[in-house]
């Protein structure tokens, strides 16, 4: 599969990569990515964690209210409590990524 040489990517690039790799229509690839993201969001929202075997786990962490300071103007402000989505890659994914990097350096 040929990937784009970019530091960052977006949903359109992922959809185009799926289209180029599989040949499925762009509308199906877009629907596939949208459905995948909705499954992740729904699962993490309801269960607080989503584990995908050999890929990794998504979890929802609750961060409490705290005070912060803008380093430019030194103004203090409150950072409200919020939920943060975290991802921890599985060992199998790390191994695959590292072997791919070593082959393509």
C-alpha atoms as a PDB file:
ATOM      1  CA  UNK A   1       0.000   0.000   0.000  1.00  0.00           C
ATOM      2  CA  UNK A   2       1.442   3.362  -0.995  1.00  0.00           C
ATOM      3  CA  UNK A   3       1.059   5.971   1.723  1.00  0.00           C
ATOM      4  CA  UNK A   4       1.250   9.722   1.410  1.00  0.00           C
ATOM      5  CA  UNK A   5       4.469  11.297   2.660  1.00  0.00           C
ATOM      6  CA  UNK A   6       3.043  13.735   5.188  1.00  0.00           C
ATOM      7  CA  UNK A   7       3.705  14.526   8.791  1.00  0.00           C
ATOM      8  CA  UNK A   8      -0.019  14.791   9.555  1.00  0.00           C
ATOM      9  CA  UNK A   9      -3.038  13.243   7.935  1.00  0.00           C
ATOM     10  CA  UNK A  10      -6.754  13.810   7.868  1.00  0.00           C
ATOM     11  CA  UNK A  11      -9.857  11.756   7.200  1.00  0.00           C
ATOM     12  CA  UNK A  12      -9.780  12.505   3.476  1.00  0.00           C
ATOM     13  CA  UNK A  13      -6.228  11.138   3.199  1.00  0.00           C
ATOM     14  CA  UNK A  14      -7.211   7.964   5.048  1.00  0.00           C
ATOM     15  CA  UNK A  15     -10.235   7.516   2.777  1.00  0.00           C
ATOM     16  CA  UNK A  16      -8.041   7.994  -0.308  1.00  0.00           C
ATOM     17  CA  UNK A  17      -5.525   5.458   1.007  1.00  0.00           C
ATOM     18  CA  UNK A  18      -8.316   2.901   1.534  1.00  0.00           C
ATOM     19  CA  UNK A  19      -9.605   3.608  -1.966  1.00  0.00           C
ATOM     20  CA  UNK A  20      -6.127   3.199  -3.492  1.00  0.00           C
ATOM     21  CA  UNK A  21      -5.399   0.000  -1.562  1.00  0.00           C
ATOM     22  CA  UNK A  22      -8.737  -1.749  -2.075  1.00  0.00           C
ATOM     23  CA  UNK A  23     -10.459  -0.079  -5.005  1.00  0.00           C
ATOM     24  CA  UNK A  24     -13.741   0.333  -3.129  1.00  0.00           C
ATOM     25  CA  UNK A  25     -15.644   3.525  -3.989  1.00  0.00           C
ATOM     26  CA  UNK A  26     -14.741   6.678  -2.066  1.00  0.00           C
ATOM     27  CA  UNK A  27     -18.278   6.920  -0.674  1.00  0.00           C
ATOM     28  CA  UNK A  28     -17.953   3.427   0.873  1.00  0.00           C
ATOM     29  CA  UNK A  29     -14.508   4.204   2.253  1.00  0.00           C
ATOM     30  CA  UNK A  30     -15.872   7.412   3.803  1.00  0.00           C
ATOM     31  CA  UNK A  31     -18.797   5.510   5.323  1.00  0.00           C
ATOM     32  CA  UNK A  32     -16.376   2.887   6.649  1.00  0.00           C
ATOM     33  CA  UNK A  33     -14.246   5.489   8.445  1.00  0.00           C
ATOM     34  CA  UNK A  34     -17.324   7.332   9.782  1.00  0.00           C
ATOM     35  CA  UNK A  35     -18.797   4.084  11.121  1.00  0.00           C
ATOM     36  CA  UNK A  36     -15.491   3.066  12.695  1.00  0.00           C
ATOM     37  CA  UNK A  37     -15.173   6.400  14.482  1.00  0.00           C
ATOM     38  CA  UNK A  38     -18.802   6.207  15.662  1.00  0.00           C
ATOM     39  CA  UNK A  39     -18.223   2.696  17.043  1.00  0.00           C
ATOM     40  CA  UNK A  40     -15.153   3.899  18.940  1.00  0.00           C
ATOM     41  CA  UNK A  41     -17.001   6.946  20.313  1.00  0.00           C
ATOM     42  CA  UNK A  42     -20.080   4.949  21.352  1.00  0.00           C
ATOM     43  CA  UNK A  43     -18.082   2.118  22.938  1.00  0.00           C
ATOM     44  CA  UNK A  44     -15.803   4.423  24.894  1.00  0.00           C
ATOM     45  CA  UNK A  45     -18.733   6.572  25.985  1.00  0.00           C
ATOM     46  CA  UNK A  46     -20.774   3.632  27.287  1.00  0.00           C
ATOM     47  CA  UNK A  47     -18.035   1.313  28.598  1.00  0.00           C
ATOM     48  CA  UNK A  48     -15.202   3.816  29.285  1.00  0.00           C
ATOM     49  CA  UNK A  49     -12.794   1.476  27.421  1.00  0.00           C
ATOM     50  CA  UNK A  50     -12.544  -0.254  24.043  1.00  0.00           C
ATOM     51  CA  UNK A  51      -9.939  -2.961  23.533  1.00  0.00           C
ATOM     52  CA  UNK A  52      -9.108  -4.056  20.002  1.00  0.00           C
ATOM     53  CA  UNK A  53      -7.028  -7.235  19.994  1.00  0.00           C
ATOM     54  CA  UNK A  54      -3.548  -6.819  18.436  1.00  0.00           C
ATOM     55  CA  UNK A  55      -4.222  -3.104  17.888  1.00  0.00           C
ATOM     56  CA  UNK A  56      -4.622  -1.350  21.235  1.00  0.00           C
ATOM     57  CA  UNK A  57      -7.088   0.119  23.664  1.00  0.00           C
ATOM     58  CA  UNK A  58      -8.997   3.381  23.781  1.00  0.00           C
ATOM     59  CA  UNK A  59     -10.047   4.628  27.184  1.00  0.00           C
ATOM     60  CA  UNK A  60     -11.856   7.625  28.571  1.00  0.00           C
ATOM     61  CA  UNK A  61     -10.155   9.422  31.445  1.00  0.00           C
ATOM     62  CA  UNK A  62     -11.867  12.041  33.552  1.00  0.00           C
ATOM     63  CA  UNK A  63      -9.680  15.009  34.414  1.00  0.00           C
ATOM     64  CA  UNK A  64     -10.647  17.208  37.310  1.00  0.00           C
ATOM     65  CA  UNK A  65     -10.797  20.970  37.532  1.00  0.00           C
ATOM     66  CA  UNK A  66      -7.437  22.661  38.068  1.00  0.00           C
ATOM     67  CA  UNK A  67      -5.862  26.077  37.805  1.00  0.00           C
ATOM     68  CA  UNK A  68      -3.565  27.014  34.942  1.00  0.00           C
ATOM     69  CA  UNK A  69      -1.535  29.987  33.830  1.00  0.00           C
ATOM     70  CA  UNK A  70      -0.903  31.498  30.420  1.00  0.00           C
ATOM     71  CA  UNK A  71       2.914  31.713  30.198  1.00  0.00           C
ATOM     72  CA  UNK A  72       2.800  34.671  27.790  1.00  0.00           C
ATOM     73  CA  UNK A  73       0.736  37.070  29.860  1.00  0.00           C
ATOM     74  CA  UNK A  74       0.961  35.358  33.294  1.00  0.00           C
ATOM     75  CA  UNK A  75      -2.822  35.394  33.755  1.00  0.00           C
ATOM     76  CA  UNK A  76      -4.207  32.590  35.940  1.00  0.00           C
ATOM     77  CA  UNK A  77      -7.412  30.819  34.935  1.00  0.00           C
ATOM     78  CA  UNK A  78      -9.405  27.694  35.797  1.00  0.00           C
ATOM     79  CA  UNK A  79      -9.237  24.677  33.506  1.00  0.00           C
ATOM     80  CA  UNK A  80     -12.632  22.981  33.701  1.00  0.00           C
ATOM     81  CA  UNK A  81     -13.068  19.268  34.295  1.00  0.00           C
ATOM     82  CA  UNK A  82     -13.213  17.281  31.086  1.00  0.00           C
ATOM     83  CA  UNK A  83     -12.991  13.841  29.538  1.00  0.00           C
ATOM     84  CA  UNK A  84      -9.881  12.868  27.585  1.00  0.00           C
ATOM     85  CA  UNK A  85      -9.635   9.996  25.104  1.00  0.00           C
ATOM     86  CA  UNK A  86      -6.366   8.061  25.379  1.00  0.00           C
ATOM     87  CA  UNK A  87      -4.912   5.302  23.207  1.00  0.00           C
ATOM     88  CA  UNK A  88      -2.368   2.683  24.201  1.00  0.00           C
ATOM     89  CA  UNK A  89      -0.971   0.597  21.373  1.00  0.00           C
ATOM     90  CA  UNK A  90      -0.798  -3.174  21.748  1.00  0.00           C
ATOM     91  CA  UNK A  91       2.625  -4.834  21.718  1.00  0.00           C
ATOM     92  CA  UNK A  92       1.846  -6.502  18.362  1.00  0.00           C
ATOM     93  CA  UNK A  93       1.150  -3.103  16.794  1.00  0.00           C
ATOM     94  CA  UNK A  94       4.376  -1.660  18.217  1.00  0.00           C
ATOM     95  CA  UNK A  95       6.347  -4.597  16.786  1.00  0.00           C
ATOM     96  CA  UNK A  96       4.786  -4.145  13.337  1.00  0.00           C
ATOM     97  CA  UNK A  97       5.404  -0.384  13.354  1.00  0.00           C
ATOM     98  CA  UNK A  98       9.026  -0.808  14.418  1.00  0.00           C
ATOM     99  CA  UNK A  99       9.731  -3.492  11.800  1.00  0.00           C
ATOM    100  CA  UNK A 100       8.135  -1.303   9.096  1.00  0.00           C
ATOM    101  CA  UNK A 101      10.262   1.673  10.153  1.00  0.00           C
ATOM    102  CA  UNK A 102      13.475  -0.409  10.120  1.00  0.00           C
ATOM    103  CA  UNK A 103      12.715  -1.711   6.598  1.00  0.00           C
ATOM    104  CA  UNK A 104      11.997   1.748   5.189  1.00  0.00           C
ATOM    105  CA  UNK A 105      14.812   3.791   6.668  1.00  0.00           C
END
